[in-house]
Amino acid sequence: MFGDLMGKLQEAQSKMQDVKNSLSGIQVQGEAGNGAVKVTATAGKQIQHIEIADALLSPENKQELEDLLITALNRAIDKAETVAENEMKNAAGGMLGGLGLGL
């Protein structure tokens, strides 16, 4: 009984690691300023690309650009966290049923 449970736990750990690894292939985007700043990140929270509208690339727009970058980055990270949580829940849901724990 315990050997079977340990095997299932190891399988679950392996599957969770696979899900973590797959997060680097899922992209999310955060925007600010009606799309003037766009940040693309992976669900593993790695920033991949930043796009800035030309109108923001002037010295007088420096503070606005900085604020929009922070907003867009935070939105991308929030989306990445949501996607990662959902992927982990989906993977865990399928595994917990197979453990026979009656959760």
C-alpha atoms as a PDB file:
ATOM      1  CA  MET A   1       0.000   0.000   0.000  1.00  0.00           C
ATOM      2  CA  PHE A   2       2.682   2.504   0.997  1.00  0.00           C
ATOM      3  CA  GLY A   3       4.891   1.500  -1.918  1.00  0.00           C
ATOM      4  CA  ASP A   4       2.034   2.200  -4.319  1.00  0.00           C
ATOM      5  CA  LEU A   5       1.348   5.530  -2.625  1.00  0.00           C
ATOM      6  CA  MET A   6       5.020   6.512  -2.800  1.00  0.00           C
ATOM      7  CA  GLY A   7       5.091   5.615  -6.483  1.00  0.00           C
ATOM      8  CA  LYS A   8       2.050   7.787  -7.126  1.00  0.00           C
ATOM      9  CA  LEU A   9       3.566  10.655  -5.161  1.00  0.00           C
ATOM     10  CA  GLN A  10       6.772  10.426  -7.189  1.00  0.00           C
ATOM     11  CA  GLU A  11       4.698  10.356 -10.370  1.00  0.00           C
ATOM     12  CA  ALA A  12       2.810  13.430  -9.154  1.00  0.00           C
ATOM     13  CA  GLN A  13       6.063  15.268  -8.428  1.00  0.00           C
ATOM     14  CA  SER A  14       7.355  14.411 -11.873  1.00  0.00           C
ATOM     15  CA  LYS A  15       4.157  15.640 -13.518  1.00  0.00           C
ATOM     16  CA  MET A  16       4.255  18.900 -11.549  1.00  0.00           C
ATOM     17  CA  GLN A  17       7.855  19.445 -12.686  1.00  0.00           C
ATOM     18  CA  ASP A  18       6.759  18.837 -16.276  1.00  0.00           C
ATOM     19  CA  VAL A  19       4.036  21.472 -15.853  1.00  0.00           C
ATOM     20  CA  LYS A  20       6.552  23.951 -14.430  1.00  0.00           C
ATOM     21  CA  ASN A  21       8.821  23.332 -17.401  1.00  0.00           C
ATOM     22  CA  SER A  22       5.961  23.814 -19.861  1.00  0.00           C
ATOM     23  CA  LEU A  23       5.152  27.246 -18.405  1.00  0.00           C
ATOM     24  CA  SER A  24       8.114  28.695 -20.288  1.00  0.00           C
ATOM     25  CA  GLY A  25       6.277  27.942 -23.532  1.00  0.00           C
ATOM     26  CA  ILE A  26       3.075  29.783 -22.579  1.00  0.00           C
ATOM     27  CA  GLN A  27       3.032  33.495 -23.354  1.00  0.00           C
ATOM     28  CA  VAL A  28       0.918  36.203 -21.737  1.00  0.00           C
ATOM     29  CA  GLN A  29       0.735  39.927 -22.405  1.00  0.00           C
ATOM     30  CA  GLY A  30       0.265  42.943 -20.195  1.00  0.00           C
ATOM     31  CA  GLU A  31      -0.669  46.331 -21.612  1.00  0.00           C
ATOM     32  CA  ALA A  32      -0.904  49.881 -20.332  1.00  0.00           C
ATOM     33  CA  GLY A  33      -1.838  53.237 -21.779  1.00  0.00           C
ATOM     34  CA  ASN A  34      -4.398  51.749 -24.200  1.00  0.00           C
ATOM     35  CA  GLY A  35      -1.709  49.557 -25.733  1.00  0.00           C
ATOM     36  CA  ALA A  36       1.041  52.210 -25.794  1.00  0.00           C
ATOM     37  CA  VAL A  37       3.196  49.820 -23.764  1.00  0.00           C
ATOM     38  CA  LYS A  38       2.966  46.063 -24.240  1.00  0.00           C
ATOM     39  CA  VAL A  39       4.922  43.472 -22.290  1.00  0.00           C
ATOM     40  CA  THR A  40       5.088  39.828 -23.327  1.00  0.00           C
ATOM     41  CA  ALA A  41       6.131  37.308 -20.682  1.00  0.00           C
ATOM     42  CA  THR A  42       6.024  33.573 -20.183  1.00  0.00           C
ATOM     43  CA  ALA A  43       3.800  31.916 -17.619  1.00  0.00           C
ATOM     44  CA  GLY A  44       7.112  31.143 -15.907  1.00  0.00           C
ATOM     45  CA  LYS A  45       7.440  34.908 -15.299  1.00  0.00           C
ATOM     46  CA  GLN A  46      10.235  35.605 -17.781  1.00  0.00           C
ATOM     47  CA  ILE A  47       9.904  38.857 -19.733  1.00  0.00           C
ATOM     48  CA  GLN A  48      10.260  38.117 -23.454  1.00  0.00           C
ATOM     49  CA  HIS A  49       9.456  41.380 -25.216  1.00  0.00           C
ATOM     50  CA  ILE A  50       8.597  45.015 -24.522  1.00  0.00           C
ATOM     51  CA  GLU A  51       6.921  47.186 -27.146  1.00  0.00           C
ATOM     52  CA  ILE A  52       6.686  50.968 -26.667  1.00  0.00           C
ATOM     53  CA  ALA A  53       4.748  53.399 -28.852  1.00  0.00           C
ATOM     54  CA  ASP A  54       6.985  55.951 -30.563  1.00  0.00           C
ATOM     55  CA  ALA A  55       5.018  58.834 -29.011  1.00  0.00           C
ATOM     56  CA  LEU A  56       6.351  57.865 -25.573  1.00  0.00           C
ATOM     57  CA  LEU A  57      10.003  58.001 -26.608  1.00  0.00           C
ATOM     58  CA  SER A  58      10.703  61.624 -25.796  1.00  0.00           C
ATOM     59  CA  PRO A  59      12.283  63.195 -22.707  1.00  0.00           C
ATOM     60  CA  GLU A  60       9.062  64.936 -21.691  1.00  0.00           C
ATOM     61  CA  ASN A  61       7.273  61.553 -21.600  1.00  0.00           C
ATOM     62  CA  LYS A  62       9.897  59.843 -19.437  1.00  0.00           C
ATOM     63  CA  GLN A  63       7.793  59.681 -16.246  1.00  0.00           C
ATOM     64  CA  GLU A  64       4.687  58.525 -18.144  1.00  0.00           C
ATOM     65  CA  LEU A  65       6.720  55.817 -19.884  1.00  0.00           C
ATOM     66  CA  GLU A  66       8.180  54.611 -16.600  1.00  0.00           C
ATOM     67  CA  ASP A  67       4.703  54.453 -15.022  1.00  0.00           C
ATOM     68  CA  LEU A  68       3.236  52.612 -18.015  1.00  0.00           C
ATOM     69  CA  LEU A  69       6.123  50.128 -18.024  1.00  0.00           C
ATOM     70  CA  ILE A  70       5.539  49.319 -14.371  1.00  0.00           C
ATOM     71  CA  THR A  71       1.818  48.853 -14.984  1.00  0.00           C
ATOM     72  CA  ALA A  72       2.311  46.670 -18.065  1.00  0.00           C
ATOM     73  CA  LEU A  73       4.977  44.553 -16.361  1.00  0.00           C
ATOM     74  CA  ASN A  74       2.789  43.998 -13.313  1.00  0.00           C
ATOM     75  CA  ARG A  75      -0.178  43.055 -15.504  1.00  0.00           C
ATOM     76  CA  ALA A  76       1.925  40.556 -17.445  1.00  0.00           C
ATOM     77  CA  ILE A  77       3.234  39.024 -14.223  1.00  0.00           C
ATOM     78  CA  ASP A  78      -0.296  38.817 -12.781  1.00  0.00           C
ATOM     79  CA  LYS A  79      -1.479  37.010 -15.910  1.00  0.00           C
ATOM     80  CA  ALA A  80       1.550  34.708 -15.760  1.00  0.00           C
ATOM     81  CA  GLU A  81       0.744  33.810 -12.156  1.00  0.00           C
ATOM     82  CA  THR A  82      -2.902  33.119 -13.024  1.00  0.00           C
ATOM     83  CA  VAL A  83      -1.946  30.860 -15.931  1.00  0.00           C
ATOM     84  CA  ALA A  84       0.654  29.041 -13.824  1.00  0.00           C
ATOM     85  CA  GLU A  85      -1.838  28.485 -10.986  1.00  0.00           C
ATOM     86  CA  ASN A  86      -4.442  27.128 -13.411  1.00  0.00           C
ATOM     87  CA  GLU A  87      -1.937  24.804 -15.075  1.00  0.00           C
ATOM     88  CA  MET A  88      -0.811  23.472 -11.698  1.00  0.00           C
ATOM     89  CA  LYS A  89      -4.412  23.005 -10.490  1.00  0.00           C
ATOM     90  CA  ASN A  90      -5.301  21.140 -13.667  1.00  0.00           C
ATOM     91  CA  ALA A  91      -2.287  18.875 -13.291  1.00  0.00           C
ATOM     92  CA  ALA A  92      -2.867  18.339  -9.575  1.00  0.00           C
ATOM     93  CA  GLY A  93      -6.575  17.646 -10.027  1.00  0.00           C
ATOM     94  CA  GLY A  94      -5.874  14.748 -12.320  1.00  0.00           C
ATOM     95  CA  MET A  95      -3.243  13.318 -10.003  1.00  0.00           C
ATOM     96  CA  LEU A  96      -5.038  13.601  -6.666  1.00  0.00           C
ATOM     97  CA  GLY A  97      -7.902  11.465  -7.876  1.00  0.00           C
ATOM     98  CA  GLY A  98      -5.445   8.695  -8.672  1.00  0.00           C
ATOM     99  CA  LEU A  99      -3.892   8.755  -5.206  1.00  0.00           C
ATOM    100  CA  GLY A 100      -6.983   7.304  -3.572  1.00  0.00           C
ATOM    101  CA  LEU A 101      -6.863   9.832  -0.750  1.00  0.00           C
ATOM    102  CA  GLY A 102     -10.534  10.702  -1.008  1.00  0.00           C
ATOM    103  CA  LEU A 103      -9.850  14.430  -1.031  1.00  0.00           C
END
